[in-house]
Every structure is written in structure tokens, then in C-alpha cells.
């Protein structure tokens, strides 16, 4: 009687018999087989210890009776799916085969923590849109829903997908044959599409999760760079509500994405990390006027990553206006902002910063003082020696600070040594000391060792 119900369900689902097997047939590219037999309760199949030990236990002694009552089971096997492997993430892991492919993370946490998915990235992205992830996640997790008498029912199910085959085990019972319709609808969505790039683009357009959209874009860029649909998808993604998606799209578009990068870099609503990365990607296109403007807004907002990025840009430009902007960031009342500006001093190369750096030796944050001292070693002039010596003397009890001061003085000495007359001569035993000599005919000050008598 139950076989008759399942045979009718197969016919109503459009499965055509193509063999002598009464519960087997084809539906398009799919081959569907239903088996009815007795077995352990489906709930026990979800336990690794039972599932893995059942065959061995029965093989050791077939006369032994299992500690549970056998129940009527239905095993539904659907062949012809894409060659992906999907199993429960909580199941005892077996050693994956090379044919299983790489482990794929979709970016959907509710799916990734339930299902272990293996295969190619492109095929996985083409098949697992939001609907497929929800249904496969529920099925692999042990639940199969179907409509019966106008109400939704849920059965416990054991399911696994491997080598193009989906195998589902459910208990047999009244109206349980109605699960066949939802299963076949899901299986048709898991058949490999003829054009992976176009299917990924379609999913990206209606995907609700930013992390999944980001992963879809990355696959299109990596594997379908020259496909016509990729460029259209990237252009559309520059208007995505998620900043990380817009950033990836703008980067991949090259010059065509410059406008989007500027919007990310200068926009008030951009996340700190996205804005700072956009500034880095813009490079020389992000001018000093852009940096000053962005810095003025970032300081009161406490956007430390943007502060660092802007100050890094400004400390390489030898203009008085840039020095004033750097000073404003260094002396912000927000310690995190001041520290972020201090970190950017590692890129300092503009001589106009000398006064700002000398003043920063008295900063309330020791980290800013140390970075200012090191920067003076790179951009300071003769006038910086006295300030560095004084700073060193104030921290004699701190070996680390003294070492930084000594290193900065040594760097300044090495950089200024051997300059023309009128600058500091660092040769001889008095290296590092400033002596005032008589002016030569050109009005320059000679700081070398005098030939006769003090001056």
C-alpha cells in the first residue's frame, strides 16, 4: 500500500519510469529512486557513533539484535546534481578526498556553521543563493519541511550530498510521500547551470548578505574577469549599500572606480576602515587639499584610521599649511587621535615639519614624543640637535627613550655630515657638538674645528 502512495507521488511530480523498477525514474537530467525498507530510527542516523558503527556491528554478529526497534524508512536518492559535497559540519570529519574539492565558506554564518561544503568556488557560488542555503542548511541539519492538508509539517531527516548524488532518509508514514515535491524542487536548483558567471551575477543582485555579495564579486573578478557580465556587475556594485562591496568593485574597475573611491574616502557615512583603504588606493590622486579636508572632519569624529591615512599623506609635502594640519591632529584632545597621528610620523619626509616635531617632544603621550624624535632624525636641521639633546637629558632614567634619542641624533648627524660650508660639520672628536665660528666672506657659518684659537 505504501509503495502505491510513493509511486503515485513520483508520477504527480513528473518522474517518468525508464526501468523495471517501480519506484525509479527520470525528471529531466535527474534520476530519482525511492526505496522502502526497515532500519533504525532516523534520529539515530544523525548520531555519528551509530551511523559509523552500525555496519561493523551488524557484520561482527548478525544474530545480535539492535538496542532499538526497527522502523519503516524511505531512502530517496537523486542523481545528476552538481558535483559538490555537503555534509553536517558537526559530524565526525572524515579525511576529504581530492575529488571533494576545497572547503568553501559562503559568508552566510547560519549556513556555514551547519554545513561543510566542498567543491569549486564558482560552482558553489552559482548554486547556493539565499533560498538554496536556507533549504539545504535545514535538510543537512536534519529537518525536511513539506505541506500537508494546508499546513506545514517537518520530518526528521538524514541527508548528505556527494558525487552529484543527494541521499535523504526519512521515516515512512501517512502523507510522508509529500516530501518528494520539495526535494525535487531543491534538486533542480542544485543542477550545474550552463553559465556560472551569469548565475553568480543573478544571485549577487538579489543577495541580502553583504559578505556573500562580496564573495560573489571576488569569484567573478578572479575567475571571470573578461566576461561581459562581470563588468556590468562591478558597475552595479559601486552603488551597493555595503562599503566593503563598493570598495572591491571600485578597485577592480580601475580608473572607472576612482569616483567611488573618493566617495568612500571623503564620505561621512563611510566606515573608518573603508575610508582609509580608499585613501591608500587613491595614492597620488588623493591630493593634499583632500587630505586636509578629510583630516579636519576626522579629528572631531575620532576616526583614527582616516587620521593616520591623511597625516601619512601630509607629512610628505613640504608646505606650511600641511604642517599646521599635522599639528592640529597631534595635539587633539582625543588621545587615540593624537596617537594615530603620531604613528603616521614614521612616513615624515618634509622639512617644514621640524617646528611641529620639536614641539611634539613635549607631548603628553610618550609614544608621540618618541615618533617625533625619530622623525627629527630624518627631517631635522642643525637646530634640532639642542632639542634632541635636551629631550634625551630629561629621560635619562628611561633606557628605551635614551636609545631612541641617541638613534635620532645619530641619524641626524649622518644625514648632515659632509655638507657644504655653512652647515654642521660632524667630523672629528667633537662630533655632535655645535661650535660658533667666524663668518666667512659669503656670510655662512663655519662649524668645523678652527685653525687657530677660539673665535
Protein backbone atom coordinates (compact mmCIF):
# COMPACT_ATOMS: atom_id res chain seq x y z
CA UNK A 1 0.00 0.00 0.00
CA UNK A 2 2.79 2.43 0.91
CA UNK A 3 4.55 1.62 -2.35
CA UNK A 4 1.44 2.63 -4.23
CA UNK A 5 1.38 6.02 -2.49
CA UNK A 6 5.03 6.67 -3.35
CA UNK A 7 4.53 5.53 -6.96
CA UNK A 8 1.65 7.98 -7.29
CA UNK A 9 3.76 10.77 -5.73
CA UNK A 10 6.53 10.13 -8.27
CA UNK A 11 4.07 10.33 -11.15
CA UNK A 12 2.50 13.54 -9.85
CA UNK A 13 5.97 15.08 -9.57
CA UNK A 14 6.59 14.36 -13.27
CA UNK A 15 9.07 11.50 -12.80
CA UNK A 16 8.96 9.14 -15.81
CA UNK A 17 9.70 5.47 -15.27
CA UNK A 18 12.53 4.30 -17.50
CA UNK A 19 13.26 0.90 -15.96
CA UNK A 20 11.55 -2.08 -14.43
CA UNK A 21 11.95 -0.56 -11.00
CA UNK A 22 8.52 0.67 -9.86
CA UNK A 23 9.92 3.48 -7.71
CA UNK A 24 12.57 4.83 -10.04
CA UNK A 25 12.54 7.20 -12.99
CA UNK A 26 13.87 10.35 -14.59
CA UNK A 27 12.98 14.00 -14.24
CA UNK A 28 14.90 15.98 -16.84
CA UNK A 29 18.60 15.49 -16.04
CA UNK A 30 17.79 13.89 -12.69
CA UNK A 31 17.41 10.23 -11.81
CA UNK A 32 15.13 9.61 -8.84
CA UNK A 33 14.94 6.40 -6.82
CA UNK A 34 12.78 5.64 -3.78
CA UNK A 35 13.47 2.64 -1.53
CA UNK A 36 11.21 1.38 1.26
CA UNK A 37 12.75 -0.79 3.94
CA UNK A 38 13.22 -1.18 7.67
CA UNK A 39 16.03 0.44 9.56
CA UNK A 40 16.99 2.30 12.72
CA UNK A 41 15.06 5.46 13.58
CA UNK A 42 16.17 8.43 11.51
CA UNK A 43 17.16 10.37 14.63
CA UNK A 44 19.80 7.75 15.37
CA UNK A 45 21.29 8.14 11.90
CA UNK A 46 22.16 11.69 12.88
CA UNK A 47 24.42 10.34 15.63
CA UNK A 48 27.92 9.75 14.32
CA UNK A 49 28.64 6.83 16.61
CA UNK A 50 25.57 4.90 15.45
CA UNK A 51 25.92 5.75 11.79
CA UNK A 52 29.61 4.88 11.59
CA UNK A 53 29.44 1.78 13.79
CA UNK A 54 26.19 0.25 12.56
CA UNK A 55 27.54 -1.76 9.63
CA UNK A 56 30.56 -3.01 11.53
CA UNK A 57 28.41 -4.00 14.49
CA UNK A 58 25.99 -5.94 12.32
CA UNK A 59 28.86 -7.57 10.44
CA UNK A 60 30.51 -8.91 13.58
CA UNK A 61 27.47 -10.87 14.65
CA UNK A 62 24.29 -10.75 12.58
CA UNK A 63 22.42 -12.62 15.32
CA UNK A 64 22.71 -9.69 17.68
CA UNK A 65 19.60 -7.57 17.94
CA UNK A 66 19.93 -3.76 17.92
CA UNK A 67 19.00 -1.94 21.15
CA UNK A 68 16.16 -0.13 19.32
CA UNK A 69 13.07 -1.14 17.38
CA UNK A 70 13.42 -1.10 13.61
CA UNK A 71 11.14 1.37 11.85
CA UNK A 72 9.87 1.86 8.31
CA UNK A 73 12.22 4.07 6.35
CA UNK A 74 12.20 5.80 2.99
CA UNK A 75 15.52 6.39 1.22
CA UNK A 76 15.24 8.95 -1.59
CA UNK A 77 18.24 9.11 -3.93
CA UNK A 78 18.53 11.85 -6.56
CA UNK A 79 21.39 11.62 -9.09
CA UNK A 80 22.52 14.21 -11.64
CA UNK A 81 23.31 17.11 -9.33
CA UNK A 82 26.39 19.33 -9.44
CA UNK A 83 29.48 17.62 -8.09
CA UNK A 84 29.64 19.22 -4.69
CA UNK A 85 29.90 17.66 -1.26
CA UNK A 86 27.63 18.87 1.52
CA UNK A 87 27.52 17.26 4.95
CA UNK A 88 26.81 18.25 8.53
CA UNK A 89 29.51 20.48 9.96
CA UNK A 90 29.01 18.86 13.37
CA UNK A 91 29.53 15.36 12.02
CA UNK A 92 32.72 13.49 12.71
CA UNK A 93 35.01 14.65 9.93
CA UNK A 94 36.41 12.09 7.55
CA UNK A 95 39.56 12.70 5.57
CA UNK A 96 38.41 14.64 2.49
CA UNK A 97 39.21 13.21 -0.92
CA UNK A 98 40.83 15.25 -3.66
CA UNK A 99 37.63 14.83 -5.69
CA UNK A 100 35.65 16.58 -2.95
CA UNK A 101 37.32 19.91 -3.78
CA UNK A 102 38.28 22.75 -1.48
CA UNK A 103 36.38 23.78 1.60
CA UNK A 104 34.01 26.61 0.67
CA UNK A 105 32.81 29.32 3.05
CA UNK A 106 29.78 31.10 1.64
CA UNK A 107 29.86 34.05 4.05
CA UNK A 108 26.45 33.12 5.49
CA UNK A 109 27.14 32.20 9.14
CA UNK A 110 23.81 30.41 9.63
CA UNK A 111 24.73 28.08 6.72
CA UNK A 112 28.47 27.73 7.26
CA UNK A 113 28.14 26.60 10.88
CA UNK A 114 25.69 23.83 9.90
CA UNK A 115 27.03 22.61 6.54
CA UNK A 116 30.51 21.62 5.46
CA UNK A 117 30.59 22.44 1.75
CA UNK A 118 33.34 21.29 -0.58
CA UNK A 119 33.80 21.92 -4.28
CA UNK A 120 34.87 24.71 -6.60
CA UNK A 121 34.21 28.29 -5.53
CA UNK A 122 32.48 29.25 -8.77
CA UNK A 123 30.10 26.31 -8.77
CA UNK A 124 29.25 26.80 -5.09
CA UNK A 125 28.51 30.49 -5.61
CA UNK A 126 26.40 29.74 -8.68
CA UNK A 127 24.19 27.25 -6.83
CA UNK A 128 23.88 28.46 -3.26
CA UNK A 129 21.80 31.60 -3.26
CA UNK A 130 19.85 32.59 -0.14
CA UNK A 131 17.00 30.17 -0.85
CA UNK A 132 19.25 27.18 -1.55
CA UNK A 133 21.34 27.89 1.55
CA UNK A 134 18.26 28.04 3.74
CA UNK A 135 16.75 24.81 2.38
CA UNK A 136 19.99 22.81 2.18
CA UNK A 137 21.03 24.04 5.62
CA UNK A 138 17.74 22.82 7.11
CA UNK A 139 17.94 19.50 5.26
CA UNK A 140 21.56 18.72 6.13
CA UNK A 141 20.82 19.90 9.67
CA UNK A 142 18.19 17.17 9.99
CA UNK A 143 14.86 18.80 9.08
CA UNK A 144 12.69 18.41 5.98
CA UNK A 145 9.54 20.52 5.66
CA UNK A 146 6.56 19.87 3.41
CA UNK A 147 2.93 21.00 3.09
CA UNK A 148 0.18 18.61 4.10
CA UNK A 149 -3.54 19.46 4.29
CA UNK A 150 -2.71 23.13 4.03
CA UNK A 151 -0.30 23.03 6.96
CA UNK A 152 3.49 22.86 7.06
CA UNK A 153 4.95 19.75 8.65
CA UNK A 154 8.56 18.92 9.44
CA UNK A 155 10.18 15.49 9.47
CA UNK A 156 13.48 14.45 10.94
CA UNK A 157 15.76 13.63 8.03
CA UNK A 158 19.28 12.39 7.44
CA UNK A 159 20.75 13.86 4.25
CA UNK A 160 24.09 14.03 2.52
CA UNK A 161 25.19 15.26 -0.90
CA UNK A 162 28.28 13.86 -2.62
CA UNK A 163 29.49 12.96 -6.12
CA UNK A 164 26.43 14.50 -7.74
CA UNK A 165 24.02 12.49 -5.59
CA UNK A 166 21.63 13.65 -2.87
CA UNK A 167 20.59 10.89 -0.46
CA UNK A 168 17.81 11.59 2.03
CA UNK A 169 16.43 9.21 4.65
CA UNK A 170 13.07 9.89 6.33
CA UNK A 171 10.62 7.77 8.25
CA UNK A 172 7.64 6.43 6.36
CA UNK A 173 4.18 7.47 7.41
CA UNK A 174 0.91 8.98 6.38
CA UNK A 175 1.41 11.73 3.75
CA UNK A 176 5.18 11.49 4.04
CA UNK A 177 5.32 10.99 0.28
CA UNK A 178 4.55 14.70 0.03
CA UNK A 179 8.21 15.43 0.83
CA UNK A 180 9.05 14.37 -2.71
CA UNK A 181 7.85 17.63 -4.27
CA UNK A 182 10.04 19.97 -2.13
CA UNK A 183 13.02 17.66 -2.52
CA UNK A 184 12.81 17.59 -6.30
CA UNK A 185 12.35 21.36 -6.44
CA UNK A 186 15.53 21.74 -4.38
CA UNK A 187 17.38 19.19 -6.51
CA UNK A 188 16.56 21.07 -9.73
CA UNK A 189 18.22 24.18 -8.24
CA UNK A 190 21.34 22.14 -7.48
CA UNK A 191 21.95 21.07 -11.09
CA UNK A 192 25.03 22.73 -12.59
CA UNK A 193 23.95 25.72 -14.73
CA UNK A 194 25.32 26.20 -18.24
CA UNK A 195 26.79 29.65 -17.46
CA UNK A 196 28.30 30.01 -13.98
CA UNK A 197 29.18 33.70 -14.31
CA UNK A 198 25.65 34.76 -15.25
CA UNK A 199 24.14 32.71 -12.44
CA UNK A 200 26.55 34.24 -9.89
CA UNK A 201 25.68 37.73 -11.15
CA UNK A 202 21.96 36.98 -10.80
CA UNK A 203 22.45 35.81 -7.23
CA UNK A 204 24.55 38.85 -6.37
CA UNK A 205 21.82 41.24 -7.50
CA UNK A 206 19.31 39.83 -5.01
CA UNK A 207 21.62 38.54 -2.25
CA UNK A 208 20.71 40.02 1.17
CA UNK A 209 24.04 39.38 2.94
CA UNK A 210 26.99 41.74 2.22
CA UNK A 211 29.58 39.03 2.97
CA UNK A 212 28.04 36.74 0.36
CA UNK A 213 27.82 39.55 -2.21
CA UNK A 214 31.48 40.32 -1.54
CA UNK A 215 32.46 36.68 -2.07
CA UNK A 216 30.42 36.50 -5.28
CA UNK A 217 32.17 39.60 -6.65
CA UNK A 218 35.58 38.20 -5.75
CA UNK A 219 34.86 34.99 -7.67
CA UNK A 220 33.70 36.96 -10.72
CA UNK A 221 36.89 39.04 -10.59
CA UNK A 222 39.20 36.06 -10.07
CA UNK A 223 37.65 33.56 -12.47
CA UNK A 224 35.51 35.50 -14.96
CA UNK A 225 37.42 38.76 -15.30
CA UNK A 226 36.83 39.12 -19.04
CA UNK A 227 33.21 38.03 -19.04
CA UNK A 228 30.80 40.77 -20.11
CA UNK A 229 28.55 40.16 -17.10
CA UNK A 230 31.43 40.78 -14.69
CA UNK A 231 31.90 44.41 -15.74
CA UNK A 232 28.16 45.10 -15.50
CA UNK A 233 28.02 43.52 -12.06
CA UNK A 234 31.01 45.56 -10.85
CA UNK A 235 29.47 48.82 -12.08
CA UNK A 236 26.23 47.96 -10.32
CA UNK A 237 28.16 47.06 -7.15
CA UNK A 238 29.61 50.58 -6.89
CA UNK A 239 26.14 51.56 -5.61
CA UNK A 240 25.95 48.69 -3.11
CA UNK A 241 24.89 49.74 0.43
CA UNK A 242 27.89 47.90 1.92
CA UNK A 243 31.15 49.85 1.84
CA UNK A 244 33.33 46.75 1.53
CA UNK A 245 31.45 45.73 -1.63
CA UNK A 246 31.76 49.21 -3.16
CA UNK A 247 35.47 49.23 -2.30
CA UNK A 248 36.13 45.90 -4.03
CA UNK A 249 34.12 46.92 -7.09
CA UNK A 250 35.87 50.29 -7.39
CA UNK A 251 39.28 48.68 -7.05
CA UNK A 252 38.52 46.12 -9.75
CA UNK A 253 37.21 48.79 -12.13
CA UNK A 254 40.50 50.74 -12.06
CA UNK A 255 40.17 54.31 -13.30
CA UNK A 256 36.43 53.86 -13.73
CA UNK A 257 36.17 53.30 -9.97
CA UNK A 258 38.02 56.49 -8.93
CA UNK A 259 34.83 58.41 -8.22
CA UNK A 260 33.59 55.66 -5.92
CA UNK A 261 36.92 55.61 -4.08
CA UNK A 262 36.68 59.37 -3.47
CA UNK A 263 33.14 58.96 -2.14
CA UNK A 264 34.39 56.31 0.26
CA UNK A 265 37.42 58.34 1.28
CA UNK A 266 35.55 61.58 1.91
CA UNK A 267 32.05 60.40 2.83
CA UNK A 268 30.78 60.97 6.34
CA UNK A 269 28.92 57.66 6.33
CA UNK A 270 31.92 55.58 5.24
CA UNK A 271 33.35 53.24 7.83
CA UNK A 272 36.77 54.20 9.13
CA UNK A 273 38.49 51.14 7.67
CA UNK A 274 36.87 51.56 4.24
CA UNK A 275 37.74 55.26 4.05
CA UNK A 276 41.39 54.72 5.00
CA UNK A 277 41.76 51.89 2.48
CA UNK A 278 40.20 54.05 -0.23
CA UNK A 279 42.73 56.78 0.56
CA UNK A 280 45.57 54.28 0.23
CA UNK A 281 44.20 53.01 -3.10
CA UNK A 282 43.84 56.53 -4.48
CA UNK A 283 47.54 57.19 -3.87
CA UNK A 284 48.76 60.36 -5.56
CA UNK A 285 45.23 61.13 -6.77
CA UNK A 286 44.35 61.93 -3.15
CA UNK A 287 45.81 65.45 -3.07
CA UNK A 288 46.92 67.43 -0.05
CA UNK A 289 43.75 69.53 -0.17
CA UNK A 290 41.71 66.33 0.01
CA UNK A 291 43.81 65.15 2.95
CA UNK A 292 43.46 68.43 4.86
CA UNK A 293 39.70 68.49 4.30
CA UNK A 294 39.25 64.85 5.35
CA UNK A 295 41.52 65.35 8.36
CA UNK A 296 39.53 68.32 9.64
CA UNK A 297 36.40 66.15 9.71
CA UNK A 298 38.11 63.02 11.02
CA UNK A 299 39.68 64.65 14.12
CA UNK A 300 36.45 65.59 15.95
CA UNK A 301 34.79 62.36 14.78
CA UNK A 302 37.60 60.27 16.26
CA UNK A 303 38.18 58.36 13.02
CA UNK A 304 41.69 57.18 13.82
CA UNK A 305 42.32 55.17 10.64
CA UNK A 306 41.42 58.17 8.48
CA UNK A 307 43.59 60.42 10.64
CA UNK A 308 46.58 58.13 10.12
CA UNK A 309 45.99 57.90 6.38
CA UNK A 310 45.63 61.67 5.96
CA UNK A 311 48.63 62.55 8.11
CA UNK A 312 50.74 59.99 6.23
CA UNK A 313 49.87 61.87 3.05
CA UNK A 314 50.54 65.31 4.54
CA UNK A 315 53.91 64.59 6.17
CA UNK A 316 55.45 64.03 2.76
CA UNK A 317 54.52 67.51 1.43
CA UNK A 318 56.73 70.48 2.25
CA UNK A 319 54.04 73.15 2.72
CA UNK A 320 53.30 75.30 5.76
CA UNK A 321 49.57 74.52 5.54
CA UNK A 322 50.23 70.81 5.79
CA UNK A 323 52.39 71.33 8.88
CA UNK A 324 49.53 73.19 10.58
CA UNK A 325 47.13 70.36 9.79
CA UNK A 326 49.54 67.77 11.19
CA UNK A 327 49.98 69.84 14.34
CA UNK A 328 46.21 70.01 14.85
CA UNK A 329 45.98 66.23 14.69
CA UNK A 330 48.95 65.65 17.01
CA UNK A 331 47.54 67.97 19.68
CA UNK A 332 43.98 66.69 19.54
CA UNK A 333 42.32 66.31 22.95
CA UNK A 334 41.47 62.72 21.98
CA UNK A 335 44.45 60.55 22.91
CA UNK A 336 43.55 57.93 20.30
CA UNK A 337 43.51 60.56 17.55
CA UNK A 338 46.83 62.00 18.75
CA UNK A 339 48.36 58.52 18.85
CA UNK A 340 47.06 57.79 15.34
CA UNK A 341 48.66 60.99 14.04
CA UNK A 342 51.86 60.07 15.83
CA UNK A 343 52.01 56.71 14.10
CA UNK A 344 51.90 58.48 10.75
CA UNK A 345 55.09 60.40 11.59
CA UNK A 346 57.00 57.28 10.54
CA UNK A 347 56.42 58.47 6.94
CA UNK A 348 57.58 62.05 7.62
CA UNK A 349 59.94 63.46 4.98
CA UNK A 350 59.01 67.18 4.75
CA UNK A 351 61.38 69.73 6.27
CA UNK A 352 58.51 72.11 7.12
CA UNK A 353 57.56 69.75 9.94
CA UNK A 354 60.65 70.49 12.03
CA UNK A 355 58.92 73.00 14.30
CA UNK A 356 55.91 70.70 14.75
CA UNK A 357 58.19 67.79 15.63
CA UNK A 358 60.27 69.79 18.09
CA UNK A 359 57.08 70.88 19.85
CA UNK A 360 55.89 67.27 19.92
CA UNK A 361 58.90 66.34 22.08
CA UNK A 362 56.85 67.84 24.94
CA UNK A 363 53.66 65.94 24.03
CA UNK A 364 51.59 64.36 26.82
CA UNK A 365 51.90 60.95 25.12
CA UNK A 366 55.34 59.37 25.30
CA UNK A 367 54.68 57.37 22.11
CA UNK A 368 54.15 60.62 20.17
CA UNK A 369 57.37 62.05 21.65
CA UNK A 370 59.36 59.01 20.53
CA UNK A 371 57.99 59.09 17.00
CA UNK A 372 58.62 62.81 16.76
CA UNK A 373 62.24 62.28 17.84
CA UNK A 374 62.77 59.60 15.21
CA UNK A 375 61.19 61.83 12.57
CA UNK A 376 63.56 64.68 13.52
CA UNK A 377 66.41 62.35 12.72
CA UNK A 378 65.08 62.20 9.17
CA UNK A 379 63.91 65.77 8.53
CA UNK A 380 65.53 67.93 11.23
CA UNK A 381 68.22 70.58 10.73
CA UNK A 382 71.11 71.75 12.90
CA UNK A 383 68.61 73.47 15.16
CA UNK A 384 67.13 70.10 16.15
CA UNK A 385 70.29 68.93 17.92
CA UNK A 386 69.74 71.03 21.00
CA UNK A 387 66.10 69.91 21.29
CA UNK A 388 67.01 66.25 20.95
CA UNK A 389 69.86 66.57 23.49
CA UNK A 390 67.52 68.28 25.93
CA UNK A 391 64.84 65.61 25.40
CA UNK A 392 67.44 62.91 25.98
CA UNK A 393 68.60 64.57 29.19
CA UNK A 394 65.04 64.68 30.55
CA UNK A 395 64.67 60.91 30.16
CA UNK A 396 68.00 59.59 31.37
CA UNK A 397 66.17 57.20 33.69
CA UNK A 398 64.45 55.52 30.77
CA UNK A 399 66.92 53.40 28.76
CA UNK A 400 64.45 52.89 25.91
CA UNK A 401 63.86 56.61 25.44
CA UNK A 402 67.57 57.34 25.68
CA UNK A 403 68.22 54.75 22.96
CA UNK A 404 65.63 56.39 20.71
CA UNK A 405 67.16 59.81 21.32
CA UNK A 406 70.66 58.51 20.59
CA UNK A 407 69.42 56.86 17.41
CA UNK A 408 67.71 60.05 16.26
CA UNK A 409 70.82 62.13 16.96
CA UNK A 410 72.98 59.61 15.13
CA UNK A 411 70.64 59.67 12.14
CA UNK A 412 70.65 63.46 12.09
CA UNK A 413 74.45 63.51 12.36
CA UNK A 414 74.84 61.02 9.49
CA UNK A 415 72.45 62.95 7.29
CA UNK A 416 74.04 66.37 7.87
CA UNK A 417 77.69 65.30 7.88
CA UNK A 418 79.78 66.33 4.90
CA UNK A 419 77.51 69.23 3.90
CA UNK A 420 78.98 72.37 2.38
CA UNK A 421 80.34 75.23 4.44
CA UNK A 422 77.61 76.98 6.35
CA UNK A 423 76.11 73.75 7.71
CA UNK A 424 77.16 71.45 10.52
CA UNK A 425 80.45 69.59 10.15
CA UNK A 426 80.32 66.42 12.20
CA UNK A 427 83.89 65.21 11.70
CA UNK A 428 86.43 64.94 14.49
CA UNK A 429 86.27 64.30 18.21
CA UNK A 430 83.67 66.99 18.84
CA UNK A 431 81.08 65.27 16.60
CA UNK A 432 77.57 66.15 17.67
CA UNK A 433 78.61 69.48 19.29
CA UNK A 434 77.86 72.92 17.88
CA UNK A 435 80.64 75.50 17.93
CA UNK A 436 80.18 79.01 16.63
CA UNK A 437 82.95 80.11 14.23
CA UNK A 438 83.62 83.39 12.46
CA UNK A 439 81.61 84.03 9.37
CA UNK A 440 83.32 83.59 6.02
CA UNK A 441 83.09 86.07 3.21
CA UNK A 442 79.86 84.58 1.92
CA UNK A 443 78.10 85.10 5.23
CA UNK A 444 77.84 81.39 6.00
CA UNK A 445 78.69 79.97 9.43
CA UNK A 446 81.59 77.50 9.55
CA UNK A 447 81.07 74.98 12.34
CA UNK A 448 84.22 72.99 11.82
CA UNK A 449 87.28 72.99 14.11
CA UNK A 450 89.03 76.40 14.00
CA UNK A 451 92.61 76.51 12.80
CA UNK A 452 93.88 78.89 15.49
CA UNK A 453 92.46 79.98 18.80
CA UNK A 454 88.90 80.33 19.89
CA UNK A 455 86.53 82.60 17.99
